[in-house]
Protein backbone atom coordinates (compact mmCIF):
# COMPACT_ATOMS: atom_id res chain seq x y z
CA MET A 1 47.42 93.15 105.24
CA PRO A 2 47.15 93.18 101.43
CA ARG A 3 46.64 89.92 99.60
CA PHE A 4 49.23 89.01 97.02
CA SER A 5 49.07 86.49 94.22
CA SER A 6 51.56 83.66 94.36
CA PRO A 7 55.02 85.18 93.98
CA SER A 8 56.28 84.42 90.52
CA PRO A 9 58.61 87.30 89.75
CA SER A 10 60.23 87.38 86.37
CA PRO A 11 63.76 85.96 86.16
CA LYS A 12 64.69 89.45 85.03
CA TRP A 13 64.67 90.39 88.72
CA ARG A 14 68.08 88.81 89.05
CA PRO A 15 70.91 91.31 88.55
CA VAL A 16 72.62 90.66 85.24
CA SER A 17 75.90 91.95 83.89
CA VAL A 18 74.29 93.97 81.12
CA LEU A 19 72.27 95.93 83.68
CA ASP A 20 75.38 96.47 85.79
CA GLU A 21 77.11 98.04 82.81
CA TRP A 22 74.34 100.60 82.32
CA VAL A 23 73.90 101.33 86.04
CA ALA A 24 77.61 102.16 86.14
CA LYS A 25 76.99 105.00 83.68
CA GLU A 26 75.98 108.44 84.91
CA ALA A 27 72.90 110.20 83.61
CA ARG A 28 73.69 113.50 81.89
CA PRO A 29 71.26 116.14 83.21
CA ILE A 30 70.14 119.02 81.00
CA SER A 31 68.56 122.42 81.61
CA LEU A 32 65.70 124.22 79.90
CA ARG A 33 68.20 126.67 78.46
CA GLN A 34 70.18 123.83 76.88
CA LEU A 35 66.99 122.45 75.35
CA MET A 36 66.18 125.87 73.92
CA VAL A 37 69.64 126.62 72.54
CA PHE A 38 69.99 123.19 70.98
CA GLY A 39 66.59 123.31 69.28
CA ARG A 40 66.65 126.90 68.07
CA SER A 41 68.37 126.17 64.73
CA LEU A 42 67.81 122.59 63.71
CA THR A 43 70.03 120.85 61.19
CA GLU A 44 69.97 117.22 60.18
CA SER A 45 73.17 116.59 62.13
CA ARG A 46 71.73 118.26 65.26
CA LEU A 47 68.57 116.18 65.03
CA ILE A 48 70.59 113.00 64.70
CA SER A 49 72.77 114.12 67.61
CA SER A 50 69.60 114.60 69.68
CA ALA A 51 68.44 111.10 68.71
CA ASN A 52 71.70 109.53 69.85
CA TYR A 53 71.62 111.44 73.15
CA VAL A 54 68.13 110.05 73.82
CA ARG A 55 69.16 106.59 72.55
CA THR A 56 71.90 106.29 75.19
CA GLU A 57 70.28 108.36 77.95
CA LEU A 58 66.98 106.47 78.18
CA PRO A 59 68.45 103.02 78.94
CA THR A 60 70.90 104.61 81.40
CA ARG A 61 68.14 106.32 83.36
CA ILE A 62 65.84 103.28 83.21
CA ALA A 63 68.64 100.98 84.42
CA HIS A 64 69.10 103.07 87.58
CA ARG A 65 65.42 102.74 88.42
CA ILE A 66 65.37 98.99 87.72
CA ARG A 67 68.20 98.64 90.22
CA ASP A 68 66.15 100.66 92.74
CA MET A 69 63.29 98.17 92.35
CA GLN A 70 65.65 95.22 92.68
CA GLN A 71 66.81 96.57 96.03
CA LEU A 72 63.30 96.74 97.52
CA PRO A 73 62.42 94.05 100.07
CA TYR A 74 61.30 90.83 98.39
CA VAL A 75 57.80 91.05 99.89
CA VAL A 76 57.37 94.43 98.16
CA VAL A 77 58.81 93.49 94.77
CA THR A 78 56.44 90.53 94.52
CA ASN A 79 53.47 92.91 94.68
CA PRO A 80 51.68 92.35 91.35
CA HIS A 81 51.45 96.08 90.55
CA ILE A 82 55.12 96.81 91.22
CA ASN A 83 56.10 93.61 89.40
CA GLU A 84 54.12 94.79 86.38
CA VAL A 85 55.91 98.15 86.42
CA TYR A 86 59.23 96.35 86.69
CA ASP A 87 58.43 94.27 83.61
CA LEU A 88 57.48 97.43 81.69
CA TYR A 89 60.76 99.07 82.70
CA TYR A 90 62.88 96.05 81.84
CA SER A 91 61.18 95.68 78.46
CA ALA A 92 61.86 99.35 77.69
CA PHE A 93 65.46 99.04 78.88
CA ASP A 94 66.05 95.95 76.77
CA THR A 95 64.51 97.62 73.70
CA PHE A 96 66.40 100.92 73.95
CA ARG A 97 69.79 99.39 74.73
CA LYS A 98 69.59 97.39 71.50
CA VAL A 99 68.91 100.40 69.27
CA LYS A 100 71.92 100.94 67.05
CA GLU A 101 73.53 104.32 66.45
CA ILE A 102 71.24 106.71 64.59
CA LYS A 103 72.94 107.77 61.36
CA THR A 104 70.16 108.85 58.99
CA LEU A 105 66.73 110.51 59.10
CA ASP A 106 65.15 107.13 58.30
CA ASP A 107 66.92 105.66 61.35
CA ASN A 108 65.48 108.50 63.39
CA GLU A 109 61.95 107.87 62.14
CA ARG A 110 62.16 104.24 63.21
CA PHE A 111 63.53 105.32 66.59
CA CYS A 112 60.68 107.82 67.06
CA LYS A 113 58.14 105.04 66.49
CA ILE A 114 59.75 103.06 69.31
CA ILE A 115 59.65 106.10 71.60
CA ARG A 116 55.95 106.72 70.89
CA SER A 117 55.11 103.09 71.56
CA MET A 118 56.96 103.10 74.88
CA LEU A 119 55.42 106.39 76.04
CA LYS A 120 51.95 105.00 75.39
CA ALA A 121 52.69 101.66 77.07
CA HIS A 122 53.95 103.44 80.21
CA LEU A 123 50.75 105.40 80.83
CA THR A 124 49.79 102.72 83.35
CA VAL A 125 52.91 103.31 85.47
CA ILE A 126 51.65 106.02 87.88
CA PRO A 127 48.41 104.30 88.98
CA LYS A 128 50.17 100.91 89.15
CA LEU A 129 52.95 102.35 91.32
CA GLY A 130 50.39 104.14 93.47
CA MET A 131 48.45 100.93 94.10
CA GLY A 132 51.63 98.95 94.74
CA ILE A 133 52.85 101.51 97.28
CA LEU A 134 49.50 101.60 99.09
CA GLU A 135 49.33 97.80 99.24
CA SER A 136 52.86 97.74 100.68
CA ASN A 137 51.84 99.77 103.73
CA GLY A 138 53.11 98.00 106.84
CA LEU A 139 55.67 95.96 104.90
CA ILE A 140 58.33 98.68 104.77
CA ASP A 141 58.87 102.03 106.46
CA PRO A 142 56.53 104.64 104.87
CA SER A 143 59.40 107.12 104.51
CA GLU A 144 61.31 104.56 102.42
CA LEU A 145 58.24 104.00 100.23
CA ASP A 146 57.86 107.75 99.68
CA LYS A 147 61.57 108.14 98.91
CA PHE A 148 61.32 105.33 96.35
CA MET A 149 58.16 106.83 94.82
CA ASN A 150 59.65 110.33 94.57
CA THR A 151 62.78 108.97 92.90
CA ILE A 152 60.89 106.80 90.43
CA LEU A 153 58.45 109.59 89.46
CA ARG A 154 61.17 112.21 89.06
CA ALA A 155 63.04 109.80 86.80
CA ARG A 156 59.85 109.17 84.84
CA ILE A 157 59.45 112.90 84.24
CA SER A 158 63.08 113.13 83.12
CA ARG A 159 62.69 110.37 80.55
CA ARG A 160 59.48 111.80 79.16
CA VAL A 161 61.03 115.26 78.91
CA ILE A 162 63.95 114.13 76.75
CA ALA A 163 61.82 111.68 74.74
CA GLU A 164 59.00 114.14 74.05
CA GLN A 165 61.48 116.93 73.32
CA HIS A 166 63.14 114.80 70.65
CA LEU A 167 59.78 113.85 69.10
CA ALA A 168 58.80 117.52 69.03
CA LEU A 169 62.12 118.55 67.45
CA THR A 170 61.70 115.85 64.83
CA HIS A 171 58.25 117.20 64.01
CA THR A 172 59.59 120.77 63.83
CA PHE A 173 62.46 119.73 61.57
CA HIS A 174 60.12 118.07 59.07
CA ALA A 175 57.55 120.87 59.28
CA HIS A 176 60.23 123.49 58.47
CA ARG A 177 62.46 121.23 56.37
CA PRO A 178 65.61 123.21 55.55
CA ALA A 179 67.44 123.20 52.25
CA PRO A 180 70.42 120.79 52.14
CA GLY A 181 73.09 122.15 54.44
CA GLY A 182 70.69 124.69 55.98
CA SER A 183 68.87 124.77 59.31
CA ALA A 184 65.22 124.82 60.31
CA LYS A 185 64.40 128.15 61.96
CA VAL A 186 62.06 127.78 64.91
CA PRO A 187 59.67 130.70 65.61
CA GLU A 188 60.99 132.30 68.80
CA SER A 189 57.56 133.47 69.94
CA GLU A 190 56.19 130.00 70.64
CA PHE A 191 57.75 126.65 71.47
CA ILE A 192 61.12 125.06 70.97
CA GLY A 193 60.11 121.45 71.11
CA GLU A 194 58.18 121.10 74.36
CA VAL A 195 59.67 124.25 75.94
CA PHE A 196 57.32 127.23 75.96
CA LEU A 197 59.66 130.19 75.62
CA LYS A 198 57.44 132.84 77.19
CA CYS A 199 55.25 131.20 79.78
CA VAL A 200 53.20 134.07 81.24
CA ALA A 201 52.20 133.09 84.78
CA LYS A 202 48.95 135.08 84.75
CA ASP A 203 47.77 133.45 81.52
CA VAL A 204 48.48 129.94 82.79
CA VAL A 205 46.66 130.61 86.06
CA SER A 206 43.70 132.10 84.15
CA ARG A 207 43.38 129.10 81.86
CA CYS A 208 43.68 126.62 84.72
CA ALA A 209 41.22 128.59 86.83
CA GLY A 210 38.62 128.64 84.07
CA ALA A 211 39.09 124.93 83.42
CA VAL A 212 38.84 123.98 87.12
CA ARG A 213 35.68 126.02 87.63
CA ASP A 214 34.10 124.59 84.50
CA ILE A 215 34.84 121.00 85.57
CA LEU A 216 33.60 121.48 89.12
CA GLN A 217 30.50 123.45 88.11
CA ARG A 218 29.45 120.56 85.87
CA ALA A 219 30.25 118.04 88.61
CA TYR A 220 28.51 119.89 91.47
CA GLY A 221 25.63 121.26 89.37
CA PRO A 222 24.61 124.85 88.59
CA ASP A 223 23.13 125.51 92.05
CA VAL A 224 26.47 125.22 93.88
CA ALA A 225 28.26 128.56 94.16
CA LEU A 226 31.96 128.45 93.30
CA PRO A 227 34.47 131.03 94.50
CA GLU A 228 35.84 133.69 92.18
CA ILE A 229 39.56 133.37 91.45
CA ARG A 230 41.39 136.70 91.51
CA ILE A 231 44.90 137.23 90.18
CA ASP A 232 47.12 140.14 91.13
CA GLY A 233 50.79 141.03 91.57
CA HIS A 234 53.35 141.02 88.76
CA LEU A 235 50.96 140.16 85.95
CA GLY A 236 53.65 140.34 83.27
CA ALA A 237 55.98 137.79 84.88
CA ASN A 238 57.12 135.20 82.34
CA PHE A 239 59.74 132.48 82.01
CA PRO A 240 60.62 129.46 79.84
CA TYR A 241 59.04 126.24 81.06
CA ILE A 242 57.50 122.91 80.12
CA LEU A 243 53.91 124.11 80.01
CA SER A 244 52.25 120.80 80.90
CA HIS A 245 54.30 120.63 84.13
CA LEU A 246 53.13 124.06 85.28
CA GLU A 247 49.53 123.41 84.27
CA TYR A 248 49.45 120.20 86.27
CA ILE A 249 50.72 121.93 89.44
CA ILE A 250 48.48 125.00 89.15
CA GLY A 251 45.50 122.88 88.17
CA GLU A 252 45.83 120.60 91.19
CA LEU A 253 46.32 123.49 93.63
CA LEU A 254 43.35 125.44 92.29
CA ARG A 255 41.16 122.36 92.22
CA ASN A 256 41.92 121.68 95.88
CA SER A 257 41.17 125.29 96.83
CA VAL A 258 37.94 125.59 94.83
CA GLN A 259 36.64 122.29 96.21
CA ALA A 260 37.50 123.22 99.81
CA VAL A 261 35.86 126.67 99.61
CA ALA A 262 32.75 125.44 97.75
CA GLU A 263 32.17 122.52 100.14
CA LYS A 264 32.71 124.66 103.23
CA HIS A 265 30.29 127.29 101.85
CA GLN A 266 27.70 124.58 101.13
CA ARG A 267 27.92 123.25 104.69
CA ARG A 268 27.42 126.69 106.24
CA ARG A 269 24.57 127.85 103.97
CA ASP A 270 24.71 131.60 104.50
CA PRO A 271 21.09 132.87 105.05
CA ASP A 272 22.00 136.10 103.21
CA ASN A 273 23.08 134.04 100.19
CA LYS A 274 26.49 135.68 100.09
CA PRO A 275 28.96 134.29 97.55
CA PRO A 276 31.82 132.16 98.85
CA PRO A 277 35.03 134.04 99.66
CA PRO A 278 37.34 134.43 96.63
CA ILE A 279 40.59 132.58 96.04
CA GLU A 280 43.49 135.04 95.80
CA VAL A 281 46.39 134.25 93.47
CA THR A 282 49.41 136.54 93.86
CA ILE A 283 52.32 136.47 91.40
CA CYS A 284 55.67 137.79 92.63
CA GLU A 285 58.69 138.16 90.35
CA SER A 286 62.30 138.56 91.47
CA GLN A 287 65.57 138.44 89.53
CA GLN A 288 65.84 134.66 89.62
CA HIS A 289 62.42 133.36 90.62
CA VAL A 290 58.70 133.68 90.12
CA ILE A 291 56.57 132.82 93.15
CA ILE A 292 52.87 132.04 92.81
CA ARG A 293 50.85 132.13 96.02
CA ILE A 294 47.35 130.62 96.07
CA SER A 295 45.32 131.60 99.15
CA ASP A 296 41.90 130.22 100.02
CA GLN A 297 39.45 130.33 102.91
CA GLY A 298 38.39 126.70 102.65
CA GLY A 299 38.86 125.82 106.32
CA GLY A 300 42.44 124.59 106.19
CA ILE A 301 43.79 121.05 106.29
CA PRO A 302 42.53 118.78 109.11
CA ARG A 303 45.23 118.18 111.68
CA GLU A 304 45.03 114.40 111.28
CA SER A 305 45.80 114.75 107.54
CA LEU A 306 48.87 116.96 107.89
CA PRO A 307 51.41 114.13 108.49
CA TYR A 308 50.36 112.52 105.20
CA LEU A 309 50.15 115.65 103.07
CA TRP A 310 53.19 114.86 100.90
CA SER A 311 53.03 111.09 101.25
CA PHE A 312 52.11 108.62 98.53
CA SER A 313 51.35 105.98 101.16
CA LYS A 314 48.63 108.13 102.77
CA GLY A 315 48.14 106.34 106.12
CA PRO A 316 44.51 105.99 107.27
CA ALA A 317 43.05 107.02 103.88
CA SER A 318 44.96 104.39 101.91
CA GLY A 319 42.02 101.98 101.50
CA LYS A 320 39.75 104.55 99.85
CA ILE A 321 42.53 105.93 97.67
CA LEU A 322 43.49 102.42 96.57
CA ALA A 323 39.92 101.81 95.39
CA ASN A 324 39.89 105.12 93.53
CA LEU A 325 43.21 104.44 91.80
CA GLY A 326 41.72 101.22 90.48
CA LYS A 327 39.30 103.38 88.47
CA VAL A 328 42.17 105.22 86.74
CA PRO A 329 43.87 102.68 84.46
CA LYS A 330 46.10 105.25 82.78
CA MET A 331 47.58 108.49 84.02
CA ALA A 332 49.92 110.76 82.08
CA ALA A 333 50.02 113.28 84.95
CA THR A 334 49.05 116.20 82.77
CA MET A 335 45.97 118.33 83.18
CA GLN A 336 44.13 117.06 80.15
CA GLU A 337 45.11 113.41 80.09
CA LEU A 338 43.79 112.00 83.36
CA GLN A 339 41.00 109.57 82.53
CA VAL A 340 38.44 107.92 84.78
CA ASP A 341 36.51 104.74 84.17
CA GLU A 342 33.76 104.87 81.54
CA HIS A 343 30.85 104.97 84.02
CA ALA A 344 32.32 107.85 86.04
CA GLU A 345 33.23 109.73 82.87
CA ALA A 346 29.76 109.24 81.38
CA ALA A 347 28.16 110.46 84.60
CA LEU A 348 30.39 113.51 84.61
CA HIS A 349 29.50 114.46 81.04
CA GLN A 350 25.75 114.08 81.60
CA HIS A 351 25.79 117.50 83.24
CA ASN A 352 24.99 120.37 80.92
CA HIS A 353 27.64 122.99 80.31
CA PRO A 354 26.79 126.21 82.14
CA HIS A 355 26.16 129.23 79.98
CA HIS A 356 29.21 131.37 79.42
CA GLN A 357 29.15 134.51 81.49
CA LYS A 358 30.58 137.83 80.50
CA PRO A 359 33.78 138.44 82.39
CA HIS A 360 33.60 140.88 85.24
CA ARG A 361 35.57 144.05 84.66
CA PRO A 362 38.64 143.47 86.83
CA PRO A 363 40.08 146.09 89.15
CA LYS A 364 43.13 147.86 87.82
CA THR A 365 45.39 145.78 90.04
CA ALA A 366 43.86 142.37 89.48
CA ALA A 367 42.71 139.95 86.81
CA ALA A 368 39.45 138.19 87.71
CA VAL A 369 38.62 134.86 86.09
CA PRO A 370 35.00 134.41 84.92
CA ALA A 371 33.12 131.32 85.97
CA ALA A 372 33.17 129.14 82.87
CA GLU A 373 35.45 130.78 80.37
CA VAL A 374 37.85 128.18 79.06
CA PRO A 375 40.00 129.29 76.11
CA ARG A 376 40.19 125.81 74.57
CA SER A 377 42.64 126.65 71.80
CA ALA A 378 44.72 129.26 73.57
CA VAL A 379 47.70 127.00 74.01
CA ARG A 380 49.26 124.03 72.30
CA ILE A 381 48.89 120.77 74.20
CA ARG A 382 50.35 117.43 73.17
CA HIS A 383 48.81 114.04 73.91
CA ASP A 384 50.86 110.88 74.10
CA ASP A 385 49.02 109.51 71.06
CA ASP A 386 49.75 112.70 69.15
CA LEU A 387 53.30 113.52 70.12
CA GLY A 388 55.00 115.51 67.44
CA ARG A 389 51.95 117.32 66.11
CA ASP A 390 49.77 120.14 67.36
CA VAL A 391 46.38 119.39 68.85
CA ASN A 392 43.76 121.67 70.34
CA SER A 393 43.87 122.24 74.04
CA SER A 394 41.53 120.11 76.12
CA LEU A 395 41.92 122.05 79.33
CA ALA A 396 38.20 121.64 79.98
CA SER A 397 38.84 117.97 80.79
CA LEU A 398 41.39 118.94 83.44
CA SER A 399 41.63 116.09 85.91
CA GLY A 400 38.19 115.08 84.69
CA ARG A 401 37.44 112.87 87.67
CA PRO A 402 34.41 113.56 89.87
CA PRO A 403 35.22 115.59 93.03
CA ASN A 404 34.81 112.55 95.29
CA LEU A 405 37.32 110.47 93.28
CA ARG A 406 40.37 111.52 95.26
CA LEU A 407 43.63 109.86 94.26
CA GLY A 408 45.92 111.16 97.02
CA MET A 409 48.64 111.94 94.48
CA GLY A 410 47.93 115.52 93.42
CA LEU A 411 50.05 117.32 96.03
CA PRO A 412 53.05 114.95 96.24
CA LEU A 413 53.20 114.63 92.44
CA SER A 414 52.90 118.42 92.06
CA ARG A 415 55.90 118.83 94.36
CA VAL A 416 57.88 116.32 92.27
CA TYR A 417 57.11 118.42 89.19
CA ALA A 418 58.01 121.67 90.99
CA GLU A 419 61.33 120.37 92.28
CA TYR A 420 62.29 118.81 88.94
CA TRP A 421 63.47 122.15 87.51
CA ALA A 422 64.93 123.27 90.89
CA GLY A 423 61.74 124.93 92.13
CA SER A 424 59.72 124.23 95.26
CA LEU A 425 56.17 123.80 96.54
CA ALA A 426 55.10 124.48 100.14
CA LEU A 427 51.73 124.67 101.93
CA HIS A 428 50.82 126.59 105.07
CA SER A 429 47.53 125.65 106.69
CA LEU A 430 45.57 127.71 109.19
CA GLU A 431 43.17 125.16 110.65
CA GLY A 432 39.62 126.46 110.57
CA TYR A 433 40.46 129.25 108.12
CA GLY A 434 42.31 128.27 104.95
CA VAL A 435 45.50 127.35 103.12
CA ASP A 436 48.31 129.30 101.46
CA ALA A 437 50.22 127.39 98.76
CA PHE A 438 53.58 128.76 97.56
CA LEU A 439 54.99 127.62 94.22
CA GLN A 440 58.51 128.86 93.43
CA ILE A 441 59.84 128.61 89.88
CA SER A 442 63.37 129.24 88.65
CA LYS A 443 62.67 131.72 85.86
CA LEU A 444 66.06 131.77 84.08
CA GLY A 445 65.87 128.21 82.75
CA ASN A 446 69.51 127.62 83.70
CA LYS A 447 68.94 124.98 86.39
CA ASN A 448 69.61 121.36 85.49
CA GLU A 449 66.88 118.79 85.95
CA GLN A 450 67.12 117.39 89.47
CA LEU A 451 67.96 113.71 89.00
CA THR A 452 68.86 110.91 91.39
CA THR A 453 72.08 109.65 89.81
CA ARG A 454 74.42 106.79 90.66
CA ALA A 455 76.71 109.16 92.57
CA THR A 456 73.91 110.41 94.81
CA MET A 457 72.58 106.88 95.32
CA ASP A 458 76.03 105.67 96.40
CA ALA A 459 76.25 108.55 98.87
CA VAL A 460 73.10 107.54 100.71
């Protein structure tokens, strides 16, 4: 049974009329296509309209999640980690609801400063929630904990999407400042805000594959053989998407596969020194979807772990995961932003970088990923400290935790990301052989973000 500090929840736990007023409002979901159309030709009035949408939408969405936390059993809400998240949420709600209507560009600049501050402050939310959920094991049905966690994380993604999109549009507007009465033309070949217009599946997989191999080669050492990652199928498949979402999912799936294959190969120690079996990535494009299948021969998922595969409360492994989460004070849930404690990070970076190898010539039907080739500036990545301006990619620090620092959140959080834009993530395990992961993406960008709204809550 977890130990709790003396319950001293904030008086803000008590339902108040102002919260009731905001909970009564419905969130207004958006689609990728709406984000693209709105941001394609920016005018001052459009930017201010975007600011006012975010100004009213953020407190509405936060209010729904505060009410979710208020409805948890008292013994759960007094958990210090969940109580800390609640205070962060209430502070953000109270701040955003008091922001007056945005009427000028100066108003918008002040509003953007508030958004940046809140995004940075909320980097502690995922590990805090994770620890609170794990410490609440046995106090509430695990399925209820997972339902709460899925809802709260999906809502977190939704708020960051609209907030970061507005910050990015603000940056674009000022970078391409139009003449009075004109509009800022956004280059169609790159991004509109945070939306990458032509996200080529093969390129994303290649970058993630190179980053994963580079990280794990440094962590395991040069003597451990890592599997080759082969890509085939519809190599030209592309779609609009939030790039950091896709990179997180692909990065976690590839990391799991590479680790499983490498560790299985190490245990078996082939006397003929054969390389480990490759990981096969197949891209399939249809009229409405792109499906990415990742197949490995890493031995499959142990039968005792299968019931907890998509759970944040992780059953028998919760104690170890809880200790590991304590080493991750902040988590933005993007490939490049996951940090570990200073000692673990220093140990990780003591390894020398392996020499870059020349890429193998791929077969005509496949694209092979070389061992340590990480195109560090191939794509624009934003950090929470640098929202609104371009920074170089830091894909090489993808989930930069050591291989044994398992957080138990990669798969369930990846599925939350996949389902957010009406996609899906499924795993099929062949015990003793390997795993097939299937990621389905809606490629038209016309699906609304999948939110838990007041109407759906009332229907439960």
